[in-house]
Amino acid sequence: MWTRLLQRLLILGLMLLGVSLMAFLVPYVSGGDPARTILMSRVRDLAVDPAAVEAMRVHLGLDRPLPVQYGAWLWQAVQGDLGYSFASGRPVASEIGGALGVSITLALTALGIAAAVAIPLGTLAATRPGGTVDSATTLMVQTFVATPEYWLAPMGILVFALYLGWLPSAGWTSWSSLVLPAMVLSLRPMAYFTQVTRAAMMDVLQAPYITAARSRGLSMRQTVMHHGLRNGSLPIVTFFALWLAGLLGGSVVIEVIFAIPGMGRLLYEAVINRDVPMLQGGFVSIVALSILINTIADMLYVVLNPAVRSGHAH
């Protein structure tokens, strides 16, 4: 177990280094002169003076060799200095910190709703394969997977905000602002969680120890609750981590439609404004956090799964 842990930490360090290099190269992969791109984003003018571009290049140290530039940028990033936003003039790190807090709250709420519905529903469907609940669950899964969020979000606003008046249509001012976007964002992961739970529980319910428990007189409910759920819910740990990592920067549509000041909206505006430091900082923050989340999920999976922990998993 400890060897596996050390291997994961080593891989984590190497991946973070690779992510930092990709983030550093963001201004260079656009195909233009980074100094000109940065200057244009600041002055909002396509026609910039070549002398001003050269002065900007020297000022930012872009005239130095690329490895030297990367080393200086990485050293500042390690200390938490990601530069200043061209759009707002505020430190990138502080803006990302606030936006990440919003996105994490939204993602955890959505995934919590998804898991709370999917685990019992998938388990119930697995105990009665081919039955009414299983068929209804399959229909629900297919519907949620096929329905796009850019349609669900406006429909939710139309019904619950404008027609019924139960919830605010946009903004991030109170807990009620979280309900509608979290519900919309939860439907797709809910569908996948239900599928995964159903498949995992069907495998678990065919295991010999489940048959032994049933032969001792335990009801199906007691067998599932005491013996099935722990092993059956293990794949959810991995899926939860994958979705959490994906939603941190991947809920752009929801954040833009509901005017939520999260990472998705922050990066969307950074692209529009050609805000290079914000793009660099946002990219490295989201990818690094995603790698960290998945590494923690792998470690948790090892802790929860005795077969993997003892090295007997195939």
Protein backbone atom coordinates (compact mmCIF):
# COMPACT_ATOMS: atom_id res chain seq x y z
CA MET A 1 0.00 0.00 0.00
CA TRP A 2 2.77 2.46 0.95
CA THR A 3 4.67 1.68 -2.25
CA ARG A 4 1.55 2.45 -4.25
CA LEU A 5 1.11 5.69 -2.31
CA LEU A 6 4.69 6.82 -3.01
CA GLN A 7 4.27 5.97 -6.69
CA ARG A 8 1.11 8.05 -6.87
CA LEU A 9 2.79 11.00 -5.17
CA LEU A 10 5.74 10.81 -7.58
CA ILE A 11 3.38 10.69 -10.56
CA LEU A 12 1.43 13.59 -9.04
CA GLY A 13 4.57 15.72 -8.86
CA LEU A 14 5.56 14.96 -12.45
CA MET A 15 2.05 15.68 -13.72
CA LEU A 16 1.93 19.00 -11.89
CA LEU A 17 5.25 19.95 -13.45
CA GLY A 18 3.89 19.09 -16.90
CA VAL A 19 0.73 21.11 -16.23
CA SER A 20 2.78 24.13 -15.19
CA LEU A 21 4.77 23.92 -18.43
CA MET A 22 1.59 23.78 -20.53
CA ALA A 23 0.15 26.76 -18.65
CA PHE A 24 3.34 28.73 -19.19
CA LEU A 25 3.18 28.05 -22.94
CA VAL A 26 -0.41 29.37 -23.29
CA PRO A 27 0.70 32.74 -24.79
CA TYR A 28 3.04 30.97 -27.22
CA VAL A 29 0.62 28.41 -28.66
CA SER A 30 -1.76 31.07 -29.97
CA GLY A 31 0.50 31.47 -33.01
CA GLY A 32 1.31 35.15 -32.42
CA ASP A 33 3.83 37.25 -30.55
CA PRO A 34 3.08 36.96 -26.79
CA ALA A 35 4.18 40.56 -26.18
CA ARG A 36 1.86 41.84 -28.91
CA THR A 37 -1.02 39.69 -27.61
CA ILE A 38 -0.55 40.96 -24.07
CA LEU A 39 -0.28 44.59 -25.20
CA MET A 40 -3.41 44.32 -27.36
CA SER A 41 -5.36 42.84 -24.45
CA ARG A 42 -4.32 45.77 -22.27
CA VAL A 43 -4.96 48.65 -24.67
CA ARG A 44 -7.92 47.04 -26.48
CA ASP A 45 -6.48 48.02 -29.84
CA LEU A 46 -5.35 45.80 -32.73
CA ALA A 47 -2.98 48.47 -34.08
CA VAL A 48 -0.14 48.70 -31.58
CA ASP A 49 3.18 50.49 -31.98
CA PRO A 50 6.08 48.06 -32.70
CA ALA A 51 8.26 50.09 -30.31
CA ALA A 52 5.67 49.59 -27.57
CA VAL A 53 5.63 45.85 -28.32
CA GLU A 54 9.41 45.68 -27.98
CA ALA A 55 9.30 47.66 -24.74
CA MET A 56 6.64 45.28 -23.42
CA ARG A 57 8.79 42.30 -24.40
CA VAL A 58 11.75 43.66 -22.43
CA HIS A 59 9.56 44.71 -19.49
CA LEU A 60 8.07 41.22 -19.15
CA GLY A 61 11.39 39.47 -19.70
CA LEU A 62 10.20 37.84 -22.92
CA ASP A 63 13.56 38.63 -24.53
CA ARG A 64 15.24 36.06 -22.28
CA PRO A 65 15.67 32.37 -23.25
CA LEU A 66 12.49 30.32 -22.87
CA PRO A 67 13.84 28.01 -20.11
CA VAL A 68 14.85 31.07 -18.06
CA GLN A 69 11.37 32.55 -18.50
CA TYR A 70 9.74 29.30 -17.46
CA GLY A 71 11.93 28.97 -14.37
CA ALA A 72 11.10 32.53 -13.25
CA TRP A 73 7.38 32.03 -13.91
CA LEU A 74 7.33 28.68 -12.08
CA TRP A 75 9.14 30.13 -9.06
CA GLN A 76 6.57 32.93 -8.80
CA ALA A 77 3.69 30.48 -9.26
CA VAL A 78 5.01 28.21 -6.49
CA GLN A 79 4.95 31.23 -4.17
CA GLY A 80 1.34 31.95 -5.13
CA ASP A 81 2.11 34.84 -7.46
CA LEU A 82 0.22 34.28 -10.71
CA GLY A 83 0.43 37.90 -11.82
CA TYR A 84 -2.32 40.46 -12.26
CA SER A 85 -5.45 40.27 -14.40
CA PHE A 86 -5.40 42.46 -17.48
CA ALA A 87 -9.16 42.92 -17.23
CA SER A 88 -9.60 43.84 -13.56
CA GLY A 89 -6.07 44.69 -12.45
CA ARG A 90 -6.47 42.50 -9.37
CA PRO A 91 -4.17 39.61 -8.41
CA VAL A 92 -5.02 36.48 -10.40
CA ALA A 93 -4.57 34.21 -7.36
CA SER A 94 -7.20 36.07 -5.31
CA GLU A 95 -9.73 36.07 -8.18
CA ILE A 96 -9.17 32.36 -8.81
CA GLY A 97 -9.49 31.62 -5.10
CA GLY A 98 -12.91 33.26 -4.92
CA ALA A 99 -14.13 31.66 -8.15
CA LEU A 100 -12.89 28.20 -7.11
CA GLY A 101 -14.81 28.45 -3.84
CA VAL A 102 -18.01 29.16 -5.77
CA SER A 103 -17.43 26.34 -8.29
CA ILE A 104 -16.54 23.82 -5.57
CA THR A 105 -19.72 24.70 -3.65
CA LEU A 106 -21.84 24.35 -6.79
CA ALA A 107 -20.17 21.09 -7.89
CA LEU A 108 -20.34 19.43 -4.45
CA THR A 109 -24.00 20.38 -4.05
CA ALA A 110 -24.89 19.05 -7.51
CA LEU A 111 -22.96 15.82 -7.01
CA GLY A 112 -24.40 15.38 -3.51
CA ILE A 113 -27.91 15.59 -4.96
CA ALA A 114 -26.93 13.19 -7.75
CA ALA A 115 -25.44 10.61 -5.37
CA ALA A 116 -28.34 10.87 -2.88
CA VAL A 117 -30.78 9.92 -5.63
CA ALA A 118 -28.64 7.61 -7.74
CA ILE A 119 -27.27 5.21 -5.11
CA PRO A 120 -30.63 4.08 -3.66
CA LEU A 121 -32.28 4.15 -7.10
CA GLY A 122 -29.51 2.13 -8.74
CA THR A 123 -29.49 -0.32 -5.84
CA LEU A 124 -33.25 -0.80 -6.02
CA ALA A 125 -33.08 -1.35 -9.77
CA ALA A 126 -30.33 -3.95 -9.31
CA THR A 127 -32.40 -5.96 -6.82
CA ARG A 128 -35.24 -6.26 -9.35
CA PRO A 129 -33.63 -6.42 -12.81
CA GLY A 130 -36.16 -6.16 -15.62
CA GLY A 131 -38.87 -4.94 -13.27
CA THR A 132 -40.89 -1.72 -13.30
CA VAL A 133 -38.35 0.24 -11.26
CA ASP A 134 -35.49 -0.97 -13.45
CA SER A 135 -37.32 0.01 -16.65
CA ALA A 136 -38.28 3.42 -15.26
CA THR A 137 -34.69 3.96 -14.13
CA THR A 138 -33.35 3.10 -17.58
CA LEU A 139 -35.76 5.60 -19.15
CA MET A 140 -34.75 8.29 -16.68
CA VAL A 141 -31.05 7.68 -17.33
CA GLN A 142 -31.47 7.92 -21.09
CA THR A 143 -33.53 11.11 -20.77
CA PHE A 144 -31.09 12.88 -18.45
CA VAL A 145 -28.07 11.92 -20.55
CA ALA A 146 -29.71 13.12 -23.77
CA THR A 147 -31.06 16.44 -22.45
CA PRO A 148 -28.54 19.30 -22.81
CA GLU A 149 -27.95 21.73 -19.96
CA TYR A 150 -28.27 24.75 -22.24
CA TRP A 151 -31.94 23.77 -22.69
CA LEU A 152 -32.63 22.62 -19.13
CA ALA A 153 -31.27 25.81 -17.54
CA PRO A 154 -33.55 28.26 -19.39
CA MET A 155 -36.52 25.93 -18.86
CA GLY A 156 -35.75 25.83 -15.14
CA ILE A 157 -35.56 29.62 -15.00
CA LEU A 158 -38.81 29.93 -16.95
CA VAL A 159 -40.74 27.54 -14.67
CA PHE A 160 -39.27 27.99 -11.17
CA ALA A 161 -38.16 31.62 -11.32
CA LEU A 162 -40.47 33.45 -13.72
CA TYR A 163 -43.69 31.39 -13.61
CA LEU A 164 -43.75 30.02 -10.04
CA GLY A 165 -41.46 32.62 -8.48
CA TRP A 166 -39.95 30.10 -6.06
CA LEU A 167 -36.27 30.69 -6.84
CA PRO A 168 -34.09 33.52 -8.15
CA SER A 169 -33.34 33.43 -11.87
CA ALA A 170 -29.65 34.36 -11.58
CA GLY A 171 -26.94 35.66 -9.28
CA TRP A 172 -25.07 34.35 -6.27
CA THR A 173 -26.51 36.13 -3.25
CA SER A 174 -27.96 33.46 -0.95
CA TRP A 175 -28.50 29.71 -0.57
CA SER A 176 -31.60 29.97 -2.78
CA SER A 177 -29.35 31.07 -5.67
CA LEU A 178 -27.65 27.68 -5.44
CA VAL A 179 -30.73 25.46 -5.67
CA LEU A 180 -31.75 25.82 -9.33
CA PRO A 181 -28.29 25.65 -10.95
CA ALA A 182 -27.30 22.74 -8.69
CA MET A 183 -30.45 20.82 -9.61
CA VAL A 184 -29.86 21.36 -13.33
CA LEU A 185 -26.18 20.45 -13.00
CA SER A 186 -26.99 17.28 -11.01
CA LEU A 187 -29.14 15.53 -13.62
CA ARG A 188 -26.43 14.25 -15.94
CA PRO A 189 -24.11 12.88 -13.20
CA MET A 190 -27.21 11.45 -11.53
CA ALA A 191 -27.87 9.41 -14.66
CA TYR A 192 -24.31 8.07 -14.83
CA PHE A 193 -24.15 7.40 -11.07
CA THR A 194 -27.38 5.40 -11.34
CA GLN A 195 -26.00 3.30 -14.19
CA VAL A 196 -22.73 2.63 -12.37
CA THR A 197 -24.47 1.79 -9.08
CA ARG A 198 -26.90 -0.58 -10.80
CA ALA A 199 -24.11 -2.42 -12.64
CA ALA A 200 -21.89 -2.63 -9.55
CA MET A 201 -24.70 -3.84 -7.30
CA MET A 202 -25.76 -6.50 -9.79
CA ASP A 203 -22.21 -7.88 -9.72
CA VAL A 204 -22.08 -7.70 -5.93
CA LEU A 205 -25.44 -9.43 -5.48
CA GLN A 206 -24.12 -12.42 -7.43
CA ALA A 207 -21.07 -12.81 -5.17
CA PRO A 208 -20.76 -15.94 -2.96
CA TYR A 209 -20.81 -13.99 0.30
CA ILE A 210 -24.17 -12.47 -0.64
CA THR A 211 -25.56 -15.97 -1.29
CA ALA A 212 -24.16 -17.08 2.07
CA ALA A 213 -25.79 -14.12 3.83
CA ARG A 214 -29.13 -14.91 2.20
CA SER A 215 -28.81 -18.57 3.24
CA ARG A 216 -28.46 -17.45 6.86
CA GLY A 217 -31.96 -16.02 6.69
CA LEU A 218 -31.19 -12.37 6.03
CA SER A 219 -33.71 -10.49 3.93
CA MET A 220 -32.66 -8.86 0.67
CA ARG A 221 -32.81 -5.44 2.33
CA GLN A 222 -30.61 -6.55 5.24
CA THR A 223 -28.16 -8.24 2.86
CA VAL A 224 -27.85 -5.15 0.69
CA MET A 225 -27.53 -2.74 3.61
CA HIS A 226 -25.01 -4.79 5.61
CA HIS A 227 -22.99 -6.52 2.89
CA GLY A 228 -23.70 -5.06 -0.54
CA LEU A 229 -23.58 -1.29 -0.33
CA ARG A 230 -19.96 -0.92 0.74
CA ASN A 231 -18.55 -2.88 -2.19
CA GLY A 232 -21.27 -1.77 -4.58
CA SER A 233 -20.63 1.92 -3.93
CA LEU A 234 -16.86 1.73 -4.51
CA PRO A 235 -17.08 2.69 -8.21
CA ILE A 236 -19.06 5.79 -7.18
CA VAL A 237 -15.95 7.07 -5.38
CA THR A 238 -14.05 7.12 -8.66
CA PHE A 239 -16.96 8.55 -10.63
CA PHE A 240 -17.60 11.22 -7.98
CA ALA A 241 -13.97 12.35 -8.18
CA LEU A 242 -14.02 12.41 -11.99
CA TRP A 243 -17.19 14.48 -12.09
CA LEU A 244 -16.00 16.83 -9.35
CA ALA A 245 -12.78 17.49 -11.24
CA GLY A 246 -14.71 17.99 -14.48
CA LEU A 247 -17.30 20.35 -13.04
CA LEU A 248 -14.75 22.72 -11.50
CA GLY A 249 -14.06 24.28 -14.86
CA GLY A 250 -16.58 22.46 -17.00
CA SER A 251 -19.82 24.05 -15.80
CA VAL A 252 -19.32 27.07 -18.07
CA VAL A 253 -22.83 26.94 -19.56
CA ILE A 254 -24.54 26.82 -16.16
CA GLU A 255 -22.35 29.56 -14.67
CA VAL A 256 -22.86 31.88 -17.63
CA ILE A 257 -26.64 31.34 -17.84
CA PHE A 258 -27.18 31.77 -14.09
CA ALA A 259 -24.55 34.57 -13.76
CA ILE A 260 -22.57 32.57 -11.20
CA PRO A 261 -19.05 33.95 -10.49
CA GLY A 262 -17.30 30.57 -10.71
CA MET A 263 -14.26 29.24 -12.55
CA GLY A 264 -16.13 28.43 -15.75
CA ARG A 265 -17.41 31.98 -16.12
CA LEU A 266 -14.05 33.43 -15.08
CA LEU A 267 -12.22 31.50 -17.82
CA TYR A 268 -14.95 32.31 -20.34
CA GLU A 269 -14.46 36.02 -19.70
CA ALA A 270 -10.66 35.61 -19.72
CA VAL A 271 -10.84 34.14 -23.24
CA ILE A 272 -13.04 37.00 -24.45
CA ASN A 273 -10.77 39.63 -22.85
CA ARG A 274 -7.52 37.89 -23.90
CA ASP A 275 -6.55 37.93 -20.24
CA VAL A 276 -3.36 35.85 -20.50
CA PRO A 277 -2.41 35.73 -16.77
CA MET A 278 -5.96 34.69 -15.87
CA LEU A 279 -5.93 31.96 -18.51
CA GLN A 280 -2.58 30.68 -17.28
CA GLY A 281 -3.56 30.77 -13.63
CA GLY A 282 -7.00 29.28 -14.24
CA PHE A 283 -5.63 26.47 -16.38
CA VAL A 284 -2.91 25.43 -13.94
CA SER A 285 -5.28 25.72 -10.94
CA ILE A 286 -8.08 23.62 -12.43
CA VAL A 287 -5.86 20.90 -13.88
CA ALA A 288 -3.68 20.70 -10.75
CA LEU A 289 -6.75 20.47 -8.51
CA SER A 290 -8.28 17.84 -10.79
CA ILE A 291 -5.12 15.72 -10.62
CA LEU A 292 -5.05 16.10 -6.82
CA ILE A 293 -8.72 15.09 -6.50
CA ASN A 294 -8.26 11.99 -8.61
CA THR A 295 -5.11 11.03 -6.69
CA ILE A 296 -7.02 11.31 -3.40
CA ALA A 297 -9.84 9.22 -4.90
CA ASP A 298 -7.36 6.51 -5.91
CA MET A 299 -5.94 6.43 -2.38
CA LEU A 300 -9.42 6.33 -0.87
CA TYR A 301 -10.35 3.46 -3.19
CA VAL A 302 -7.34 1.51 -1.91
CA VAL A 303 -8.35 2.16 1.70
CA LEU A 304 -11.96 1.10 1.12
CA ASN A 305 -11.18 -1.97 -0.99
CA PRO A 306 -9.46 -4.71 1.05
CA ALA A 307 -8.56 -6.68 -2.09
CA VAL A 308 -6.57 -3.79 -3.55
CA ARG A 309 -5.05 -2.93 -0.20
CA SER A 310 -3.77 -6.46 0.31
CA GLY A 311 -2.46 -6.67 -3.25
CA HIS A 312 -4.77 -9.50 -4.34
CA ALA A 313 -6.89 -7.55 -6.79
CA HIS A 314 -6.78 -8.70 -10.36
